[in-house]
C-alpha cells in the first residue's frame, strides 16, 4: 500500500495538472490576473510534488527504525592470519559474503531522524547499513597493511543522506542525521547480530 508521502506527491501532481489546465483556459479568455494566479498555484503544486518525490526516492532502501532491531546476522570464518570471510544475512532477506583483512569486523550505517512534524507524512527514524570492512587493532597496521572495504548499501539515483548535506533547505525537515559504526574483535569463528537503535549500531555475539 502506498504510504502517505506518495499519496501527497500524487495529489500535488494532479493539482498541478488541473491548475495548468485552468491557466490555459484563463489565457484563452484573456484573463491576465486569473491566469497568473493559477499558473503560480500550478507551479507551487509542481514544486511540492517534486520535493515529495525526491524524498520518496532518496529514502528508498532505508529501513524504518522505531526500537532496537536486527539489521543483519553475520557468520564469520577465519581464512588465515588476519584474514576472514563474513557471511551476511540482511534484514530484508538478501545474503552476501565479504572477504576481509584485519583483526576486527567493522561496519557503519547512516541514520536519519525526522522532525516530529514530518512524522505525520509517514516519515520516521530510518537507517541504512553503508559499508563493511576489516579493521586492524594496531594503528601502524591500519596505516600500512592491506585494506578491505565493501559497500553494502543499495545503489540509488538519489540518497537522502547526501542530499541533506548538499541542500540546506532540507535542514528543517530533519532533526538529526549522523553516521554510526561498530566493530568487534574476531579470534575464532563467530555468529553475530548487528543491532541498530536510535542511538546507533552495536554488535552482539549470538550465544549457542
C-alpha atoms as a PDB file:
ATOM      1  CA  UNK A   1       0.000   0.000   0.000  1.00  0.00           C
ATOM      2  CA  UNK A   2       1.413   3.452  -0.918  1.00  0.00           C
ATOM      3  CA  UNK A   3       2.445   5.490   2.120  1.00  0.00           C
ATOM      4  CA  UNK A   4       1.067   8.934   2.873  1.00  0.00           C
ATOM      5  CA  UNK A   5       4.057  10.696   1.338  1.00  0.00           C
ATOM      6  CA  UNK A   6       3.493   9.002  -2.036  1.00  0.00           C
ATOM      7  CA  UNK A   7      -0.222   9.859  -1.948  1.00  0.00           C
ATOM      8  CA  UNK A   8       0.567  13.511  -1.197  1.00  0.00           C
ATOM      9  CA  UNK A   9       3.080  13.556  -4.071  1.00  0.00           C
ATOM     10  CA  UNK A  10       0.461  12.162  -6.455  1.00  0.00           C
ATOM     11  CA  UNK A  11      -2.137  14.617  -5.145  1.00  0.00           C
ATOM     12  CA  UNK A  12       0.172  17.595  -5.676  1.00  0.00           C
ATOM     13  CA  UNK A  13       0.991  16.357  -9.160  1.00  0.00           C
ATOM     14  CA  UNK A  14      -2.696  16.082 -10.072  1.00  0.00           C
ATOM     15  CA  UNK A  15      -3.454  19.516  -8.632  1.00  0.00           C
ATOM     16  CA  UNK A  16      -0.583  20.934 -10.655  1.00  0.00           C
ATOM     17  CA  UNK A  17      -2.010  19.416 -13.836  1.00  0.00           C
ATOM     18  CA  UNK A  18      -5.500  20.735 -13.056  1.00  0.00           C
ATOM     19  CA  UNK A  19      -4.254  24.274 -12.416  1.00  0.00           C
ATOM     20  CA  UNK A  20      -2.150  24.210 -15.591  1.00  0.00           C
ATOM     21  CA  UNK A  21      -5.358  23.382 -17.480  1.00  0.00           C
ATOM     22  CA  UNK A  22      -7.188  26.221 -15.688  1.00  0.00           C
ATOM     23  CA  UNK A  23      -4.294  28.539 -16.563  1.00  0.00           C
ATOM     24  CA  UNK A  24      -4.544  27.630 -20.240  1.00  0.00           C
ATOM     25  CA  UNK A  25      -8.307  28.247 -20.164  1.00  0.00           C
ATOM     26  CA  UNK A  26      -7.823  31.643 -18.485  1.00  0.00           C
ATOM     27  CA  UNK A  27      -5.205  32.633 -21.066  1.00  0.00           C
ATOM     28  CA  UNK A  28      -7.597  31.741 -23.884  1.00  0.00           C
ATOM     29  CA  UNK A  29     -10.196  34.006 -22.257  1.00  0.00           C
ATOM     30  CA  UNK A  30      -7.509  36.721 -21.897  1.00  0.00           C
ATOM     31  CA  UNK A  31      -7.840  36.876 -18.107  1.00  0.00           C
ATOM     32  CA  UNK A  32      -4.325  38.002 -17.241  1.00  0.00           C
ATOM     33  CA  UNK A  33      -4.612  38.226 -13.436  1.00  0.00           C
ATOM     34  CA  UNK A  34      -6.565  34.984 -13.136  1.00  0.00           C
ATOM     35  CA  UNK A  35      -4.157  33.105 -15.396  1.00  0.00           C
ATOM     36  CA  UNK A  36      -1.146  34.434 -13.454  1.00  0.00           C
ATOM     37  CA  UNK A  37      -2.570  33.308 -10.089  1.00  0.00           C
ATOM     38  CA  UNK A  38      -3.467  29.873 -11.449  1.00  0.00           C
ATOM     39  CA  UNK A  39      -0.020  29.495 -13.000  1.00  0.00           C
ATOM     40  CA  UNK A  40       1.651  30.309  -9.672  1.00  0.00           C
ATOM     41  CA  UNK A  41      -0.531  27.761  -7.861  1.00  0.00           C
ATOM     42  CA  UNK A  42       0.267  25.166 -10.533  1.00  0.00           C
ATOM     43  CA  UNK A  43       3.998  25.802 -10.187  1.00  0.00           C
ATOM     44  CA  UNK A  44       3.752  25.600  -6.378  1.00  0.00           C
ATOM     45  CA  UNK A  45       1.950  22.242  -6.570  1.00  0.00           C
ATOM     46  CA  UNK A  46       4.506  21.004  -9.091  1.00  0.00           C
ATOM     47  CA  UNK A  47       7.377  22.054  -6.806  1.00  0.00           C
ATOM     48  CA  UNK A  48       5.775  20.258  -3.831  1.00  0.00           C
ATOM     49  CA  UNK A  49       5.237  17.126  -5.921  1.00  0.00           C
ATOM     50  CA  UNK A  50       8.896  17.235  -6.976  1.00  0.00           C
ATOM     51  CA  UNK A  51      10.033  17.705  -3.347  1.00  0.00           C
ATOM     52  CA  UNK A  52       7.947  14.799  -2.025  1.00  0.00           C
ATOM     53  CA  UNK A  53       9.017  12.663  -4.980  1.00  0.00           C
ATOM     54  CA  UNK A  54      12.675  13.419  -4.283  1.00  0.00           C
ATOM     55  CA  UNK A  55      12.298  12.483  -0.600  1.00  0.00           C
ATOM     56  CA  UNK A  56      10.490   9.253  -1.549  1.00  0.00           C
ATOM     57  CA  UNK A  57      13.242   8.191  -3.959  1.00  0.00           C
ATOM     58  CA  UNK A  58      16.078   9.383  -1.721  1.00  0.00           C
ATOM     59  CA  UNK A  59      14.874   7.368   1.285  1.00  0.00           C
ATOM     60  CA  UNK A  60      14.300   4.165  -0.673  1.00  0.00           C
ATOM     61  CA  UNK A  61      16.463   1.434   0.827  1.00  0.00           C
ATOM     62  CA  UNK A  62      16.365   2.983   4.278  1.00  0.00           C
ATOM     63  CA  UNK A  63      14.532   0.865   6.869  1.00  0.00           C
ATOM     64  CA  UNK A  64      12.110   2.242   9.451  1.00  0.00           C
ATOM     65  CA  UNK A  65      13.551   2.280  12.947  1.00  0.00           C
ATOM     66  CA  UNK A  66      11.302   2.556  15.998  1.00  0.00           C
ATOM     67  CA  UNK A  67      13.296   0.490  18.515  1.00  0.00           C
ATOM     68  CA  UNK A  68      16.345  -1.782  18.615  1.00  0.00           C
ATOM     69  CA  UNK A  69      16.281  -4.008  15.543  1.00  0.00           C
ATOM     70  CA  UNK A  70      18.468  -6.662  13.977  1.00  0.00           C
ATOM     71  CA  UNK A  71      19.969  -5.165  10.821  1.00  0.00           C
ATOM     72  CA  UNK A  72      21.919  -8.314   9.878  1.00  0.00           C
ATOM     73  CA  UNK A  73      23.079 -11.691  11.134  1.00  0.00           C
ATOM     74  CA  UNK A  74      26.740 -12.441  10.421  1.00  0.00           C
ATOM     75  CA  UNK A  75      28.725 -15.667  10.436  1.00  0.00           C
ATOM     76  CA  UNK A  76      32.499 -15.216  10.353  1.00  0.00           C
ATOM     77  CA  UNK A  77      35.137 -17.811   9.443  1.00  0.00           C
ATOM     78  CA  UNK A  78      38.939 -17.330   9.635  1.00  0.00           C
ATOM     79  CA  UNK A  79      40.826 -17.884   6.374  1.00  0.00           C
ATOM     80  CA  UNK A  80      44.325 -17.289   7.713  1.00  0.00           C
ATOM     81  CA  UNK A  81      46.274 -14.848   9.826  1.00  0.00           C
ATOM     82  CA  UNK A  82      44.402 -11.527   9.874  1.00  0.00           C
ATOM     83  CA  UNK A  83      42.095 -12.735   7.117  1.00  0.00           C
ATOM     84  CA  UNK A  84      38.474 -13.850   7.399  1.00  0.00           C
ATOM     85  CA  UNK A  85      35.220 -14.134   5.491  1.00  0.00           C
ATOM     86  CA  UNK A  86      31.942 -12.691   6.777  1.00  0.00           C
ATOM     87  CA  UNK A  87      28.627 -14.156   5.590  1.00  0.00           C
ATOM     88  CA  UNK A  88      25.836 -11.585   5.964  1.00  0.00           C
ATOM     89  CA  UNK A  89      22.103 -12.215   6.044  1.00  0.00           C
ATOM     90  CA  UNK A  90      20.384  -8.836   5.989  1.00  0.00           C
ATOM     91  CA  UNK A  91      17.007  -7.995   7.495  1.00  0.00           C
ATOM     92  CA  UNK A  92      15.392  -7.745   4.055  1.00  0.00           C
ATOM     93  CA  UNK A  93      16.337 -11.378   3.361  1.00  0.00           C
ATOM     94  CA  UNK A  94      19.195 -10.986   0.893  1.00  0.00           C
ATOM     95  CA  UNK A  95      22.586 -12.532   1.625  1.00  0.00           C
ATOM     96  CA  UNK A  96      26.169 -11.709   0.691  1.00  0.00           C
ATOM     97  CA  UNK A  97      29.706 -12.658   1.712  1.00  0.00           C
ATOM     98  CA  UNK A  98      32.752 -10.420   2.097  1.00  0.00           C
ATOM     99  CA  UNK A  99      36.432 -11.349   2.303  1.00  0.00           C
ATOM    100  CA  UNK A 100      38.069  -9.035   4.846  1.00  0.00           C
ATOM    101  CA  UNK A 101      41.579  -8.404   6.181  1.00  0.00           C
ATOM    102  CA  UNK A 102      42.274  -7.353   9.751  1.00  0.00           C
ATOM    103  CA  UNK A 103      41.708  -8.316  13.375  1.00  0.00           C
ATOM    104  CA  UNK A 104      38.173  -6.970  13.647  1.00  0.00           C
ATOM    105  CA  UNK A 105      34.906  -6.723  11.759  1.00  0.00           C
ATOM    106  CA  UNK A 106      33.879  -3.097  11.212  1.00  0.00           C
ATOM    107  CA  UNK A 107      30.522  -1.853   9.880  1.00  0.00           C
ATOM    108  CA  UNK A 108      28.915   1.573   9.628  1.00  0.00           C
ATOM    109  CA  UNK A 109      25.486   2.992   8.825  1.00  0.00           C
ATOM    110  CA  UNK A 110      23.572   6.171   8.032  1.00  0.00           C
ATOM    111  CA  UNK A 111      20.772   7.128  10.425  1.00  0.00           C
ATOM    112  CA  UNK A 112      18.186   9.827   9.652  1.00  0.00           C
ATOM    113  CA  UNK A 113      15.865  11.189  12.336  1.00  0.00           C
ATOM    114  CA  UNK A 114      12.999  13.358  11.074  1.00  0.00           C
ATOM    115  CA  UNK A 115      11.398  16.238  12.940  1.00  0.00           C
ATOM    116  CA  UNK A 116       8.148  15.226  14.715  1.00  0.00           C
ATOM    117  CA  UNK A 117       6.056  17.447  12.431  1.00  0.00           C
ATOM    118  CA  UNK A 118       7.261  15.423   9.428  1.00  0.00           C
ATOM    119  CA  UNK A 119       6.207  12.164  11.105  1.00  0.00           C
ATOM    120  CA  UNK A 120       2.594  12.840  10.081  1.00  0.00           C
ATOM    121  CA  UNK A 121       3.719  12.302   6.470  1.00  0.00           C
ATOM    122  CA  UNK A 122       4.787   8.769   7.353  1.00  0.00           C
ATOM    123  CA  UNK A 123       8.494   9.548   7.744  1.00  0.00           C
ATOM    124  CA  UNK A 124      10.116   8.174  10.900  1.00  0.00           C
ATOM    125  CA  UNK A 125      13.681   7.473  12.017  1.00  0.00           C
ATOM    126  CA  UNK A 126      15.328   5.287   9.358  1.00  0.00           C
ATOM    127  CA  UNK A 127      18.695   3.635   8.843  1.00  0.00           C
ATOM    128  CA  UNK A 128      20.769   2.033   6.106  1.00  0.00           C
ATOM    129  CA  UNK A 129      23.908  -0.067   6.552  1.00  0.00           C
ATOM    130  CA  UNK A 130      26.582   1.534   4.396  1.00  0.00           C
ATOM    131  CA  UNK A 131      30.000  -0.198   4.429  1.00  0.00           C
ATOM    132  CA  UNK A 132      31.719  -3.215   5.931  1.00  0.00           C
ATOM    133  CA  UNK A 133      35.475  -3.558   6.287  1.00  0.00           C
ATOM    134  CA  UNK A 134      38.275  -5.231   8.183  1.00  0.00           C
ATOM    135  CA  UNK A 135      39.961  -3.279  10.979  1.00  0.00           C
ATOM    136  CA  UNK A 136      43.427  -3.695  12.492  1.00  0.00           C
ATOM    137  CA  UNK A 137      43.961  -3.233  16.223  1.00  0.00           C
ATOM    138  CA  UNK A 138      47.467  -1.863  15.690  1.00  0.00           C
ATOM    139  CA  UNK A 139      47.442   1.657  14.244  1.00  0.00           C
ATOM    140  CA  UNK A 140      50.615   1.025  12.236  1.00  0.00           C
ATOM    141  CA  UNK A 141      48.998  -1.958  10.521  1.00  0.00           C
ATOM    142  CA  UNK A 142      45.919   0.147   9.908  1.00  0.00           C
ATOM    143  CA  UNK A 143      48.133   2.578   8.008  1.00  0.00           C
ATOM    144  CA  UNK A 144      50.307   0.114   6.079  1.00  0.00           C
ATOM    145  CA  UNK A 145      48.623  -3.311   5.880  1.00  0.00           C
ATOM    146  CA  UNK A 146      46.200  -4.306   3.088  1.00  0.00           C
ATOM    147  CA  UNK A 147      42.768  -2.672   3.488  1.00  0.00           C
ATOM    148  CA  UNK A 148      39.477  -4.270   2.508  1.00  0.00           C
ATOM    149  CA  UNK A 149      36.167  -2.436   2.293  1.00  0.00           C
ATOM    150  CA  UNK A 150      32.830  -3.289   0.666  1.00  0.00           C
ATOM    151  CA  UNK A 151      29.698  -1.248   0.004  1.00  0.00           C
ATOM    152  CA  UNK A 152      26.585  -2.891   1.444  1.00  0.00           C
ATOM    153  CA  UNK A 153      24.079  -0.071   0.886  1.00  0.00           C
ATOM    154  CA  UNK A 154      21.747  -0.139  -2.083  1.00  0.00           C
ATOM    155  CA  UNK A 155      22.695   1.918  -5.101  1.00  0.00           C
ATOM    156  CA  UNK A 156      20.057   4.548  -5.790  1.00  0.00           C
ATOM    157  CA  UNK A 157      19.732   7.608  -8.077  1.00  0.00           C
ATOM    158  CA  UNK A 158      19.256   9.834  -5.014  1.00  0.00           C
ATOM    159  CA  UNK A 159      20.359   9.405  -1.411  1.00  0.00           C
ATOM    160  CA  UNK A 160      18.696  11.431   1.334  1.00  0.00           C
ATOM    161  CA  UNK A 161      21.845  11.470   3.470  1.00  0.00           C
ATOM    162  CA  UNK A 162      23.850  13.077   0.649  1.00  0.00           C
ATOM    163  CA  UNK A 163      21.031  15.431  -0.368  1.00  0.00           C
ATOM    164  CA  UNK A 164      20.725  16.773   3.173  1.00  0.00           C
ATOM    165  CA  UNK A 165      24.446  17.607   3.221  1.00  0.00           C
ATOM    166  CA  UNK A 166      24.209  19.318  -0.175  1.00  0.00           C
ATOM    167  CA  UNK A 167      20.939  21.272   0.146  1.00  0.00           C
ATOM    168  CA  UNK A 168      20.340  23.424   3.234  1.00  0.00           C
ATOM    169  CA  UNK A 169      16.587  23.810   2.559  1.00  0.00           C
ATOM    170  CA  UNK A 170      16.099  20.210   3.723  1.00  0.00           C
ATOM    171  CA  UNK A 171      17.549  21.040   7.162  1.00  0.00           C
ATOM    172  CA  UNK A 172      14.176  21.936   8.783  1.00  0.00           C
ATOM    173  CA  UNK A 173      12.792  18.502   7.865  1.00  0.00           C
ATOM    174  CA  UNK A 174      15.454  16.550   9.756  1.00  0.00           C
ATOM    175  CA  UNK A 175      16.025  16.530  13.493  1.00  0.00           C
ATOM    176  CA  UNK A 176      19.380  14.758  13.131  1.00  0.00           C
ATOM    177  CA  UNK A 177      21.434  12.854  10.597  1.00  0.00           C
ATOM    178  CA  UNK A 178      24.573  11.022  11.535  1.00  0.00           C
ATOM    179  CA  UNK A 179      26.827   8.094  10.864  1.00  0.00           C
ATOM    180  CA  UNK A 180      27.261   5.298  13.361  1.00  0.00           C
ATOM    181  CA  UNK A 181      29.808   2.477  13.434  1.00  0.00           C
ATOM    182  CA  UNK A 182      30.638  -0.631  15.456  1.00  0.00           C
ATOM    183  CA  UNK A 183      33.444  -3.179  15.416  1.00  0.00           C
ATOM    184  CA  UNK A 184      34.289  -6.426  17.171  1.00  0.00           C
ATOM    185  CA  UNK A 185      37.471  -8.461  17.541  1.00  0.00           C
ATOM    186  CA  UNK A 186      37.478 -11.839  15.780  1.00  0.00           C
ATOM    187  CA  UNK A 187      39.665 -14.593  17.191  1.00  0.00           C
ATOM    188  CA  UNK A 188      37.592 -17.619  16.166  1.00  0.00           C
ATOM    189  CA  UNK A 189      34.512 -18.491  14.083  1.00  0.00           C
ATOM    190  CA  UNK A 190      31.578 -16.475  15.396  1.00  0.00           C
ATOM    191  CA  UNK A 191      27.875 -15.868  14.907  1.00  0.00           C
ATOM    192  CA  UNK A 192      26.969 -12.225  15.376  1.00  0.00           C
ATOM    193  CA  UNK A 193      23.964  -9.930  15.335  1.00  0.00           C
ATOM    194  CA  UNK A 194      24.304  -6.368  14.105  1.00  0.00           C
ATOM    195  CA  UNK A 195      21.771  -4.317  16.026  1.00  0.00           C
ATOM    196  CA  UNK A 196      20.653  -0.775  15.326  1.00  0.00           C
ATOM    197  CA  UNK A 197      18.724   1.568  17.581  1.00  0.00           C
ATOM    198  CA  UNK A 198      18.041   5.291  17.682  1.00  0.00           C
ATOM    199  CA  UNK A 199      21.381   5.667  19.499  1.00  0.00           C
ATOM    200  CA  UNK A 200      23.408   3.840  16.818  1.00  0.00           C
ATOM    201  CA  UNK A 201      24.929   0.475  15.912  1.00  0.00           C
ATOM    202  CA  UNK A 202      26.105  -2.328  18.154  1.00  0.00           C
ATOM    203  CA  UNK A 203      27.325  -5.897  17.595  1.00  0.00           C
ATOM    204  CA  UNK A 204      26.350  -8.819  19.810  1.00  0.00           C
ATOM    205  CA  UNK A 205      27.645 -12.361  19.692  1.00  0.00           C
ATOM    206  CA  UNK A 206      24.899 -14.971  19.384  1.00  0.00           C
ATOM    207  CA  UNK A 207      25.337 -17.394  22.230  1.00  0.00           C
ATOM    208  CA  UNK A 208      24.793 -21.097  21.375  1.00  0.00           C
END
